[in-house]
Amino acid sequence: MVKRSWWDEEQEKGWRKSSRKMVMEAFEQAERKPKPNPQLLFSDVYREMPPHLRRQRAALERHLQHYGEHYPLEHFEK
């Protein structure tokens, strides 16, 4: 493209700058939204939850009860 004069260094710099700006704006918008409820990790896949996932869900619940102050749970959907 450069050889055919369809693209040059200035266009490349401008494109990179505008692309970075769009990506950062999208990140900012996404970060403002509430995070999905952690329980969806377990309830959104199987019709009937297998035993190993029930154990993992229980372990997560115990962990959050014990160490919940270390997690920004207020940023998650209820």
C-alpha atoms as a PDB file:
ATOM      1  CA  MET A   1       0.000   0.000   0.000  1.00  0.00           C
ATOM      2  CA  VAL A   2       2.887   2.341   0.754  1.00  0.00           C
ATOM      3  CA  LYS A   3       4.528   1.611  -2.602  1.00  0.00           C
ATOM      4  CA  ARG A   4       1.298   2.527  -4.382  1.00  0.00           C
ATOM      5  CA  SER A   5       0.883   5.659  -2.269  1.00  0.00           C
ATOM      6  CA  TRP A   6      -2.387   4.398  -0.825  1.00  0.00           C
ATOM      7  CA  TRP A   7      -1.082   4.676   2.737  1.00  0.00           C
ATOM      8  CA  ASP A   8       1.704   6.573   4.447  1.00  0.00           C
ATOM      9  CA  GLU A   9       3.342   6.972   7.848  1.00  0.00           C
ATOM     10  CA  GLU A  10       1.128   9.915   8.855  1.00  0.00           C
ATOM     11  CA  GLN A  11      -2.025   7.966   8.067  1.00  0.00           C
ATOM     12  CA  GLU A  12      -0.662   5.039  10.051  1.00  0.00           C
ATOM     13  CA  LYS A  13       0.029   7.250  13.077  1.00  0.00           C
ATOM     14  CA  GLY A  14      -3.426   8.820  12.851  1.00  0.00           C
ATOM     15  CA  TRP A  15      -5.107   5.451  12.529  1.00  0.00           C
ATOM     16  CA  ARG A  16      -3.204   4.048  15.524  1.00  0.00           C
ATOM     17  CA  LYS A  17      -4.077   7.077  17.637  1.00  0.00           C
ATOM     18  CA  SER A  18      -7.791   6.994  16.793  1.00  0.00           C
ATOM     19  CA  SER A  19      -7.937   3.208  17.227  1.00  0.00           C
ATOM     20  CA  ARG A  20      -6.335   3.427  20.668  1.00  0.00           C
ATOM     21  CA  LYS A  21      -8.817   6.143  21.644  1.00  0.00           C
ATOM     22  CA  MET A  22     -11.801   4.026  20.533  1.00  0.00           C
ATOM     23  CA  VAL A  23     -10.543   0.996  22.450  1.00  0.00           C
ATOM     24  CA  MET A  24      -9.941   2.987  25.625  1.00  0.00           C
ATOM     25  CA  GLU A  25     -13.411   4.567  25.411  1.00  0.00           C
ATOM     26  CA  ALA A  26     -14.966   1.109  25.001  1.00  0.00           C
ATOM     27  CA  PHE A  27     -13.031  -0.124  28.064  1.00  0.00           C
ATOM     28  CA  GLU A  28     -14.253   2.838  30.104  1.00  0.00           C
ATOM     29  CA  GLN A  29     -17.872   2.166  29.124  1.00  0.00           C
ATOM     30  CA  ALA A  30     -17.576  -1.532  29.934  1.00  0.00           C
ATOM     31  CA  GLU A  31     -15.945  -0.844  33.300  1.00  0.00           C
ATOM     32  CA  ARG A  32     -18.889   1.368  34.324  1.00  0.00           C
ATOM     33  CA  LYS A  33     -21.360  -1.496  33.901  1.00  0.00           C
ATOM     34  CA  PRO A  34     -22.012  -3.881  36.801  1.00  0.00           C
ATOM     35  CA  LYS A  35     -20.097  -7.129  36.536  1.00  0.00           C
ATOM     36  CA  PRO A  36     -22.153 -10.327  36.103  1.00  0.00           C
ATOM     37  CA  ASN A  37     -23.132 -12.123  39.278  1.00  0.00           C
ATOM     38  CA  PRO A  38     -20.434 -14.731  40.086  1.00  0.00           C
ATOM     39  CA  GLN A  39     -23.180 -17.355  40.491  1.00  0.00           C
ATOM     40  CA  LEU A  40     -23.638 -17.273  36.703  1.00  0.00           C
ATOM     41  CA  LEU A  41     -20.374 -19.205  36.468  1.00  0.00           C
ATOM     42  CA  PHE A  42     -22.311 -22.176  37.788  1.00  0.00           C
ATOM     43  CA  SER A  43     -25.907 -21.704  36.660  1.00  0.00           C
ATOM     44  CA  ASP A  44     -25.544 -20.612  33.054  1.00  0.00           C
ATOM     45  CA  VAL A  45     -24.272 -23.829  31.463  1.00  0.00           C
ATOM     46  CA  TYR A  46     -25.967 -26.987  32.681  1.00  0.00           C
ATOM     47  CA  ARG A  47     -29.660 -27.714  33.123  1.00  0.00           C
ATOM     48  CA  GLU A  48     -28.730 -29.803  36.159  1.00  0.00           C
ATOM     49  CA  MET A  49     -25.512 -28.833  37.924  1.00  0.00           C
ATOM     50  CA  PRO A  50     -22.970 -31.664  38.229  1.00  0.00           C
ATOM     51  CA  PRO A  51     -21.640 -32.487  41.709  1.00  0.00           C
ATOM     52  CA  HIS A  52     -18.158 -31.086  41.052  1.00  0.00           C
ATOM     53  CA  LEU A  53     -19.658 -27.685  40.188  1.00  0.00           C
ATOM     54  CA  ARG A  54     -21.886 -27.744  43.269  1.00  0.00           C
ATOM     55  CA  ARG A  55     -18.752 -28.268  45.346  1.00  0.00           C
ATOM     56  CA  GLN A  56     -16.961 -25.431  43.548  1.00  0.00           C
ATOM     57  CA  ARG A  57     -19.935 -23.104  44.034  1.00  0.00           C
ATOM     58  CA  ALA A  58     -20.053 -23.930  47.742  1.00  0.00           C
ATOM     59  CA  ALA A  59     -16.306 -23.301  48.010  1.00  0.00           C
ATOM     60  CA  LEU A  60     -16.710 -19.913  46.294  1.00  0.00           C
ATOM     61  CA  GLU A  61     -19.558 -18.971  48.642  1.00  0.00           C
ATOM     62  CA  ARG A  62     -17.463 -19.919  51.694  1.00  0.00           C
ATOM     63  CA  HIS A  63     -14.494 -18.006  50.314  1.00  0.00           C
ATOM     64  CA  LEU A  64     -16.582 -14.878  49.698  1.00  0.00           C
ATOM     65  CA  GLN A  65     -18.148 -15.090  53.154  1.00  0.00           C
ATOM     66  CA  HIS A  66     -14.733 -15.309  54.739  1.00  0.00           C
ATOM     67  CA  TYR A  67     -12.767 -12.918  52.494  1.00  0.00           C
ATOM     68  CA  GLY A  68     -15.563 -10.830  50.960  1.00  0.00           C
ATOM     69  CA  GLU A  69     -14.041  -7.552  52.159  1.00  0.00           C
ATOM     70  CA  HIS A  70     -11.191  -8.114  49.692  1.00  0.00           C
ATOM     71  CA  TYR A  71     -13.526  -8.220  46.687  1.00  0.00           C
ATOM     72  CA  PRO A  72     -15.468  -5.273  45.224  1.00  0.00           C
ATOM     73  CA  LEU A  73     -18.775  -7.189  45.410  1.00  0.00           C
ATOM     74  CA  GLU A  74     -20.755  -3.940  45.198  1.00  0.00           C
ATOM     75  CA  HIS A  75     -19.652  -3.740  41.541  1.00  0.00           C
ATOM     76  CA  PHE A  76     -21.447  -7.000  40.721  1.00  0.00           C
ATOM     77  CA  GLU A  77     -25.058  -7.551  39.773  1.00  0.00           C
ATOM     78  CA  LYS A  78     -27.230  -8.988  42.519  1.00  0.00           C
END
